[in-house]
Amino acid sequence: MDVKEQQKKHWNAVAGGWGTWLDWTIRNFQPITAWLGNAAHWQPGARVLDVACGSGFPALVAAAAVRPGGTVVATDISPEMLAVAASRARRDALDNIEFVEMDAEQLTFGDGEFDAVMNVYGLMFSPDPSRAIAEARRILRAGGHFS
């Protein structure tokens, strides 16, 4: 089993626990969230990508921040993590967020599709972090922000 399949298996197994602690994460990581929002220019109307979103932090906060008119796409290698995040989005009536299973090193979006890209936790787990950064840069519009 390759490293990405091992990671997917691990994150699928622990997704429920991350969901249980999501409120704690959002509350205690608020200073990081504020920095991310500022660095990524979360504002109404923005199109934002959260790579390796896990259980939904910070994608869910970003979705609320880019209203009205903005959207968030949240990706992760783990479908179970995405299911946890999607459940929370439904609970919080966030209808401007989409969840997509995707590898950070192989983003399937077109060039220049996003105003901002975030990767809070994923780079440390990426076998080729420079590839993940290059992919984030590729999908940013001119003048976009990566945090």
N, C-alpha and C. Protein backbone atom coordinates (compact mmCIF):
# COMPACT_ATOMS: atom_id res chain seq x y z
N MET A 1 0.86 -1.19 0.00
CA MET A 1 0.00 0.00 0.00
C MET A 1 0.90 1.24 0.00
N ASP A 2 0.65 2.16 -0.92
CA ASP A 2 1.48 3.36 -0.97
C ASP A 2 1.08 4.34 0.13
N VAL A 3 1.91 5.37 0.30
CA VAL A 3 1.74 6.31 1.41
C VAL A 3 0.38 7.02 1.35
N LYS A 4 -0.08 7.37 0.19
CA LYS A 4 -1.37 8.08 0.09
C LYS A 4 -2.53 7.15 0.45
N GLU A 5 -2.45 5.91 0.07
CA GLU A 5 -3.50 4.95 0.46
C GLU A 5 -3.46 4.71 1.97
N GLN A 6 -2.28 4.68 2.55
CA GLN A 6 -2.17 4.55 4.01
C GLN A 6 -2.78 5.76 4.70
N GLN A 7 -2.50 6.94 4.18
CA GLN A 7 -3.08 8.15 4.76
C GLN A 7 -4.59 8.16 4.66
N LYS A 8 -5.09 7.80 3.48
CA LYS A 8 -6.54 7.75 3.31
C LYS A 8 -7.18 6.80 4.30
N LYS A 9 -6.60 5.63 4.46
CA LYS A 9 -7.12 4.64 5.41
C LYS A 9 -7.11 5.20 6.84
N HIS A 10 -6.00 5.83 7.21
CA HIS A 10 -5.90 6.41 8.55
C HIS A 10 -6.95 7.50 8.77
N TRP A 11 -7.02 8.47 7.85
CA TRP A 11 -7.94 9.59 8.03
C TRP A 11 -9.39 9.14 7.98
N ASN A 12 -9.70 8.16 7.18
CA ASN A 12 -11.06 7.60 7.20
C ASN A 12 -11.38 7.02 8.56
N ALA A 13 -10.41 6.35 9.18
CA ALA A 13 -10.63 5.70 10.48
C ALA A 13 -10.83 6.69 11.62
N VAL A 14 -10.21 7.85 11.53
CA VAL A 14 -10.27 8.81 12.65
C VAL A 14 -11.21 9.99 12.40
N ALA A 15 -11.90 10.00 11.28
CA ALA A 15 -12.74 11.15 10.90
C ALA A 15 -13.79 11.48 11.96
N GLY A 16 -14.41 10.47 12.53
CA GLY A 16 -15.45 10.72 13.54
C GLY A 16 -14.92 11.49 14.73
N GLY A 17 -13.73 11.15 15.17
CA GLY A 17 -13.11 11.86 16.29
C GLY A 17 -12.83 13.32 15.97
N TRP A 18 -12.34 13.57 14.75
CA TRP A 18 -12.10 14.95 14.34
C TRP A 18 -13.42 15.72 14.28
N GLY A 19 -14.49 15.06 13.86
CA GLY A 19 -15.79 15.70 13.86
C GLY A 19 -16.26 16.06 15.26
N THR A 20 -16.02 15.15 16.20
CA THR A 20 -16.39 15.39 17.60
C THR A 20 -15.69 16.62 18.16
N TRP A 21 -14.46 16.85 17.75
CA TRP A 21 -13.65 17.95 18.27
C TRP A 21 -13.66 19.19 17.38
N LEU A 22 -14.52 19.22 16.37
CA LEU A 22 -14.51 20.35 15.45
C LEU A 22 -14.83 21.68 16.13
N ASP A 23 -15.81 21.71 17.01
CA ASP A 23 -16.13 22.96 17.71
C ASP A 23 -14.93 23.46 18.51
N TRP A 24 -14.24 22.53 19.19
CA TRP A 24 -13.04 22.87 19.96
C TRP A 24 -11.99 23.46 19.02
N THR A 25 -11.78 22.83 17.87
CA THR A 25 -10.79 23.29 16.91
C THR A 25 -11.12 24.69 16.43
N ILE A 26 -12.36 24.90 16.03
CA ILE A 26 -12.76 26.22 15.53
C ILE A 26 -12.57 27.29 16.61
N ARG A 27 -12.95 26.98 17.83
CA ARG A 27 -12.84 27.93 18.94
C ARG A 27 -11.37 28.22 19.27
N ASN A 28 -10.57 27.20 19.43
CA ASN A 28 -9.20 27.37 19.90
C ASN A 28 -8.22 27.80 18.81
N PHE A 29 -8.58 27.60 17.56
CA PHE A 29 -7.72 28.01 16.47
C PHE A 29 -8.17 29.35 15.89
N GLN A 30 -9.03 30.06 16.59
CA GLN A 30 -9.56 31.32 16.09
C GLN A 30 -8.46 32.30 15.68
N PRO A 31 -7.35 32.44 16.42
CA PRO A 31 -6.29 33.35 15.94
C PRO A 31 -5.72 32.92 14.59
N ILE A 32 -5.57 31.64 14.37
CA ILE A 32 -5.08 31.15 13.08
C ILE A 32 -6.13 31.42 12.00
N THR A 33 -7.39 31.20 12.34
CA THR A 33 -8.47 31.45 11.40
C THR A 33 -8.50 32.91 10.98
N ALA A 34 -8.33 33.80 11.94
CA ALA A 34 -8.32 35.23 11.63
C ALA A 34 -7.16 35.56 10.69
N TRP A 35 -5.99 34.99 10.96
CA TRP A 35 -4.84 35.21 10.08
C TRP A 35 -5.13 34.69 8.67
N LEU A 36 -5.68 33.46 8.60
CA LEU A 36 -5.99 32.86 7.29
C LEU A 36 -6.98 33.73 6.52
N GLY A 37 -8.03 34.17 7.19
CA GLY A 37 -9.03 35.00 6.53
C GLY A 37 -8.44 36.28 5.99
N ASN A 38 -7.55 36.88 6.75
CA ASN A 38 -6.89 38.10 6.31
C ASN A 38 -5.92 37.80 5.16
N ALA A 39 -5.10 36.78 5.31
CA ALA A 39 -4.10 36.43 4.29
C ALA A 39 -4.76 35.99 2.99
N ALA A 40 -5.86 35.28 3.10
CA ALA A 40 -6.54 34.76 1.91
C ALA A 40 -7.59 35.72 1.37
N HIS A 41 -7.79 36.83 2.05
CA HIS A 41 -8.76 37.84 1.63
C HIS A 41 -10.17 37.26 1.50
N TRP A 42 -10.61 36.55 2.55
CA TRP A 42 -12.00 36.08 2.55
C TRP A 42 -12.88 37.31 2.55
N GLN A 43 -13.70 37.43 1.55
CA GLN A 43 -14.63 38.55 1.47
C GLN A 43 -15.84 38.11 0.67
N PRO A 44 -16.95 38.79 0.85
CA PRO A 44 -18.14 38.42 0.09
C PRO A 44 -17.83 38.36 -1.40
N GLY A 45 -18.31 37.30 -2.04
CA GLY A 45 -18.13 37.12 -3.46
C GLY A 45 -16.90 36.34 -3.86
N ALA A 46 -16.00 36.06 -2.93
CA ALA A 46 -14.76 35.36 -3.27
C ALA A 46 -15.01 33.87 -3.53
N ARG A 47 -14.18 33.30 -4.38
CA ARG A 47 -14.17 31.85 -4.63
C ARG A 47 -12.90 31.30 -3.98
N VAL A 48 -13.10 30.44 -2.97
CA VAL A 48 -12.01 29.97 -2.12
C VAL A 48 -11.91 28.45 -2.18
N LEU A 49 -10.68 27.95 -2.19
CA LEU A 49 -10.42 26.51 -2.12
C LEU A 49 -9.70 26.20 -0.84
N ASP A 50 -10.20 25.22 -0.09
CA ASP A 50 -9.49 24.69 1.08
C ASP A 50 -9.01 23.30 0.72
N VAL A 51 -7.70 23.14 0.59
CA VAL A 51 -7.08 21.86 0.25
C VAL A 51 -6.78 21.12 1.55
N ALA A 52 -7.13 19.83 1.59
CA ALA A 52 -6.92 19.00 2.79
C ALA A 52 -7.75 19.54 3.95
N CYS A 53 -9.03 19.72 3.71
CA CYS A 53 -9.93 20.36 4.68
C CYS A 53 -10.24 19.51 5.89
N GLY A 54 -9.96 18.22 5.84
CA GLY A 54 -10.26 17.36 6.98
C GLY A 54 -11.73 17.44 7.35
N SER A 55 -12.00 17.65 8.63
CA SER A 55 -13.37 17.68 9.13
C SER A 55 -14.07 19.01 8.90
N GLY A 56 -13.38 19.95 8.23
CA GLY A 56 -14.05 21.19 7.86
C GLY A 56 -13.40 22.47 8.33
N PHE A 57 -12.27 22.38 9.00
CA PHE A 57 -11.57 23.59 9.43
C PHE A 57 -10.43 23.89 8.48
N PRO A 58 -10.40 25.10 7.94
CA PRO A 58 -11.22 26.28 8.15
C PRO A 58 -12.29 26.50 7.08
N ALA A 59 -12.54 25.51 6.25
CA ALA A 59 -13.48 25.67 5.13
C ALA A 59 -14.84 26.18 5.56
N LEU A 60 -15.36 25.66 6.67
CA LEU A 60 -16.70 26.05 7.11
C LEU A 60 -16.73 27.52 7.54
N VAL A 61 -15.69 27.96 8.21
CA VAL A 61 -15.61 29.37 8.62
C VAL A 61 -15.48 30.26 7.38
N ALA A 62 -14.67 29.81 6.42
CA ALA A 62 -14.51 30.58 5.19
C ALA A 62 -15.83 30.70 4.44
N ALA A 63 -16.61 29.62 4.40
CA ALA A 63 -17.90 29.66 3.69
C ALA A 63 -18.82 30.73 4.27
N ALA A 64 -18.83 30.84 5.58
CA ALA A 64 -19.65 31.88 6.21
C ALA A 64 -19.10 33.27 5.88
N ALA A 65 -17.78 33.39 5.82
CA ALA A 65 -17.15 34.70 5.61
C ALA A 65 -17.31 35.23 4.19
N VAL A 66 -17.45 34.38 3.19
CA VAL A 66 -17.52 34.85 1.81
C VAL A 66 -18.95 35.12 1.34
N ARG A 67 -19.91 34.95 2.23
CA ARG A 67 -21.29 35.29 1.91
C ARG A 67 -21.46 36.80 1.92
N PRO A 68 -22.33 37.36 1.15
CA PRO A 68 -23.10 36.72 0.09
C PRO A 68 -22.29 36.62 -1.20
N GLY A 69 -22.67 35.70 -2.01
CA GLY A 69 -22.12 35.56 -3.34
C GLY A 69 -20.85 34.77 -3.48
N GLY A 70 -20.19 34.45 -2.39
CA GLY A 70 -18.94 33.70 -2.46
C GLY A 70 -19.17 32.21 -2.30
N THR A 71 -18.18 31.44 -2.72
CA THR A 71 -18.26 29.99 -2.61
C THR A 71 -16.94 29.43 -2.11
N VAL A 72 -17.04 28.26 -1.49
CA VAL A 72 -15.87 27.53 -1.03
C VAL A 72 -15.95 26.12 -1.59
N VAL A 73 -14.83 25.63 -2.08
CA VAL A 73 -14.68 24.23 -2.42
C VAL A 73 -13.68 23.66 -1.42
N ALA A 74 -14.06 22.57 -0.78
CA ALA A 74 -13.21 21.93 0.21
C ALA A 74 -12.84 20.54 -0.28
N THR A 75 -11.54 20.27 -0.34
CA THR A 75 -11.07 18.98 -0.83
C THR A 75 -10.33 18.23 0.27
N ASP A 76 -10.33 16.93 0.14
CA ASP A 76 -9.54 16.08 1.04
C ASP A 76 -9.35 14.73 0.37
N ILE A 77 -8.34 14.03 0.77
CA ILE A 77 -8.07 12.69 0.25
C ILE A 77 -9.00 11.65 0.90
N SER A 78 -9.59 12.02 2.04
CA SER A 78 -10.42 11.10 2.82
C SER A 78 -11.91 11.36 2.63
N PRO A 79 -12.64 10.42 2.04
CA PRO A 79 -14.08 10.62 1.89
C PRO A 79 -14.81 10.67 3.23
N GLU A 80 -14.30 10.00 4.23
CA GLU A 80 -14.95 10.04 5.55
C GLU A 80 -14.80 11.41 6.20
N MET A 81 -13.65 12.03 6.04
CA MET A 81 -13.47 13.39 6.55
C MET A 81 -14.42 14.34 5.83
N LEU A 82 -14.53 14.18 4.53
CA LEU A 82 -15.44 15.03 3.76
C LEU A 82 -16.88 14.84 4.20
N ALA A 83 -17.26 13.60 4.53
CA ALA A 83 -18.63 13.34 4.99
C ALA A 83 -18.89 14.05 6.32
N VAL A 84 -17.90 14.06 7.21
CA VAL A 84 -18.04 14.78 8.48
C VAL A 84 -18.23 16.27 8.22
N ALA A 85 -17.39 16.83 7.36
CA ALA A 85 -17.47 18.26 7.05
C ALA A 85 -18.79 18.61 6.38
N ALA A 86 -19.23 17.78 5.45
CA ALA A 86 -20.49 18.04 4.75
C ALA A 86 -21.67 17.99 5.70
N SER A 87 -21.64 17.07 6.65
CA SER A 87 -22.70 16.98 7.65
C SER A 87 -22.77 18.27 8.47
N ARG A 88 -21.62 18.77 8.84
CA ARG A 88 -21.59 20.01 9.62
C ARG A 88 -22.08 21.19 8.79
N ALA A 89 -21.71 21.23 7.51
CA ALA A 89 -22.18 22.31 6.65
C ALA A 89 -23.70 22.30 6.55
N ARG A 90 -24.28 21.12 6.41
CA ARG A 90 -25.75 21.02 6.36
C ARG A 90 -26.35 21.50 7.68
N ARG A 91 -25.78 21.10 8.79
CA ARG A 91 -26.28 21.51 10.10
C ARG A 91 -26.25 23.02 10.25
N ASP A 92 -25.18 23.64 9.71
CA ASP A 92 -25.01 25.09 9.84
C ASP A 92 -25.63 25.86 8.67
N ALA A 93 -26.37 25.18 7.80
CA ALA A 93 -27.05 25.79 6.65
C ALA A 93 -26.09 26.55 5.75
N LEU A 94 -24.91 25.98 5.54
CA LEU A 94 -23.94 26.57 4.63
C LEU A 94 -24.13 25.92 3.26
N ASP A 95 -24.85 26.62 2.40
CA ASP A 95 -25.17 26.06 1.09
C ASP A 95 -24.22 26.57 0.00
N ASN A 96 -23.19 27.27 0.40
CA ASN A 96 -22.23 27.81 -0.56
C ASN A 96 -20.87 27.09 -0.48
N ILE A 97 -20.90 25.83 -0.04
CA ILE A 97 -19.68 25.05 0.07
C ILE A 97 -19.90 23.68 -0.57
N GLU A 98 -18.88 23.24 -1.29
CA GLU A 98 -18.91 21.95 -1.98
C GLU A 98 -17.72 21.13 -1.48
N PHE A 99 -17.92 19.83 -1.33
CA PHE A 99 -16.88 18.92 -0.84
C PHE A 99 -16.52 17.93 -1.93
N VAL A 100 -15.20 17.82 -2.22
CA VAL A 100 -14.73 16.99 -3.32
C VAL A 100 -13.51 16.18 -2.87
N GLU A 101 -13.57 14.87 -3.08
CA GLU A 101 -12.40 14.03 -2.79
C GLU A 101 -11.33 14.31 -3.84
N MET A 102 -10.13 14.70 -3.36
CA MET A 102 -9.08 15.09 -4.29
C MET A 102 -7.73 15.08 -3.59
N ASP A 103 -6.71 14.76 -4.35
CA ASP A 103 -5.33 14.75 -3.90
C ASP A 103 -4.74 16.16 -4.07
N ALA A 104 -4.10 16.67 -3.03
CA ALA A 104 -3.51 18.02 -3.07
C ALA A 104 -2.47 18.18 -4.16
N GLU A 105 -1.84 17.08 -4.56
CA GLU A 105 -0.79 17.13 -5.57
C GLU A 105 -1.34 16.99 -6.99
N GLN A 106 -2.65 16.75 -7.10
CA GLN A 106 -3.27 16.57 -8.42
C GLN A 106 -4.65 17.22 -8.43
N LEU A 107 -4.68 18.53 -8.30
CA LEU A 107 -5.95 19.24 -8.30
C LEU A 107 -6.53 19.23 -9.70
N THR A 108 -7.82 18.94 -9.81
CA THR A 108 -8.45 18.79 -11.12
C THR A 108 -9.18 20.04 -11.58
N PHE A 109 -8.86 21.17 -11.00
CA PHE A 109 -9.48 22.43 -11.40
C PHE A 109 -8.67 23.07 -12.52
N GLY A 110 -9.33 23.95 -13.25
CA GLY A 110 -8.66 24.68 -14.31
C GLY A 110 -7.77 25.78 -13.76
N ASP A 111 -6.88 26.25 -14.59
CA ASP A 111 -5.98 27.34 -14.22
C ASP A 111 -6.78 28.59 -13.86
N GLY A 112 -6.36 29.25 -12.79
CA GLY A 112 -6.94 30.54 -12.42
C GLY A 112 -8.38 30.53 -11.96
N GLU A 113 -8.86 29.43 -11.40
CA GLU A 113 -10.27 29.33 -10.99
C GLU A 113 -10.59 29.95 -9.63
N PHE A 114 -9.59 30.19 -8.79
CA PHE A 114 -9.86 30.59 -7.41
C PHE A 114 -9.21 31.91 -7.05
N ASP A 115 -9.90 32.68 -6.19
CA ASP A 115 -9.35 33.91 -5.64
C ASP A 115 -8.36 33.62 -4.51
N ALA A 116 -8.60 32.52 -3.81
CA ALA A 116 -7.74 32.17 -2.67
C ALA A 116 -7.68 30.65 -2.53
N VAL A 117 -6.52 30.18 -2.10
CA VAL A 117 -6.31 28.76 -1.80
C VAL A 117 -5.67 28.67 -0.43
N MET A 118 -6.19 27.76 0.39
CA MET A 118 -5.62 27.50 1.72
C MET A 118 -5.22 26.04 1.80
N ASN A 119 -4.16 25.78 2.54
CA ASN A 119 -3.75 24.42 2.84
C ASN A 119 -3.18 24.45 4.25
N VAL A 120 -4.04 24.28 5.23
CA VAL A 120 -3.65 24.44 6.62
C VAL A 120 -2.90 23.23 7.15
N TYR A 121 -3.40 22.04 6.87
CA TYR A 121 -2.81 20.82 7.43
C TYR A 121 -2.17 19.90 6.40
N GLY A 122 -2.46 20.07 5.14
CA GLY A 122 -2.11 19.06 4.15
C GLY A 122 -0.65 18.99 3.75
N LEU A 123 0.05 20.12 3.74
CA LEU A 123 1.42 20.09 3.24
C LEU A 123 2.33 19.17 4.03
N MET A 124 2.12 19.07 5.33
CA MET A 124 3.00 18.23 6.15
C MET A 124 2.79 16.74 5.86
N PHE A 125 1.68 16.39 5.25
CA PHE A 125 1.40 15.00 4.92
C PHE A 125 1.65 14.69 3.44
N SER A 126 1.99 15.69 2.68
CA SER A 126 2.18 15.52 1.25
C SER A 126 3.55 14.91 0.95
N PRO A 127 3.60 13.81 0.19
CA PRO A 127 4.90 13.25 -0.19
C PRO A 127 5.73 14.23 -1.03
N ASP A 128 5.07 15.12 -1.77
CA ASP A 128 5.76 16.10 -2.60
C ASP A 128 5.13 17.48 -2.38
N PRO A 129 5.48 18.14 -1.25
CA PRO A 129 4.84 19.42 -0.95
C PRO A 129 5.06 20.49 -2.01
N SER A 130 6.20 20.45 -2.70
CA SER A 130 6.41 21.45 -3.74
C SER A 130 5.42 21.26 -4.89
N ARG A 131 5.03 20.03 -5.16
CA ARG A 131 4.00 19.76 -6.18
C ARG A 131 2.64 20.30 -5.73
N ALA A 132 2.31 20.11 -4.45
CA ALA A 132 1.04 20.63 -3.93
C ALA A 132 1.00 22.16 -4.00
N ILE A 133 2.12 22.80 -3.70
CA ILE A 133 2.18 24.26 -3.78
C ILE A 133 2.06 24.72 -5.23
N ALA A 134 2.73 24.02 -6.13
CA ALA A 134 2.64 24.38 -7.55
C ALA A 134 1.20 24.24 -8.05
N GLU A 135 0.50 23.22 -7.61
CA GLU A 135 -0.90 23.04 -8.01
C GLU A 135 -1.76 24.17 -7.46
N ALA A 136 -1.52 24.56 -6.21
CA ALA A 136 -2.28 25.68 -5.63
C ALA A 136 -2.03 26.95 -6.42
N ARG A 137 -0.81 27.19 -6.77
CA ARG A 137 -0.46 28.39 -7.54
C ARG A 137 -1.13 28.38 -8.93
N ARG A 138 -1.14 27.21 -9.55
CA ARG A 138 -1.71 27.07 -10.88
C ARG A 138 -3.19 27.45 -10.92
N ILE A 139 -3.93 27.07 -9.90
CA ILE A 139 -5.37 27.30 -9.93
C ILE A 139 -5.79 28.66 -9.40
N LEU A 140 -4.81 29.43 -8.90
CA LEU A 140 -5.11 30.79 -8.44
C LEU A 140 -5.21 31.74 -9.62
N ARG A 141 -6.18 32.66 -9.54
CA ARG A 141 -6.26 33.72 -10.54
C ARG A 141 -5.08 34.65 -10.33
N ALA A 142 -4.77 35.48 -11.31
CA ALA A 142 -3.73 36.49 -11.16
C ALA A 142 -4.06 37.38 -9.96
N GLY A 143 -3.13 37.56 -9.08
CA GLY A 143 -3.36 38.36 -7.88
C GLY A 143 -4.03 37.61 -6.74
N GLY A 144 -4.28 36.31 -6.92
CA GLY A 144 -4.90 35.51 -5.87
C GLY A 144 -3.96 35.28 -4.70
N HIS A 145 -4.50 34.71 -3.64
CA HIS A 145 -3.75 34.55 -2.39
C HIS A 145 -3.68 33.11 -1.94
N PHE A 146 -2.48 32.66 -1.57
CA PHE A 146 -2.26 31.32 -1.04
C PHE A 146 -1.83 31.43 0.40
N SER A 147 -2.53 30.71 1.26
CA SER A 147 -2.15 30.70 2.68
C SER A 147 -2.19 29.29 3.20
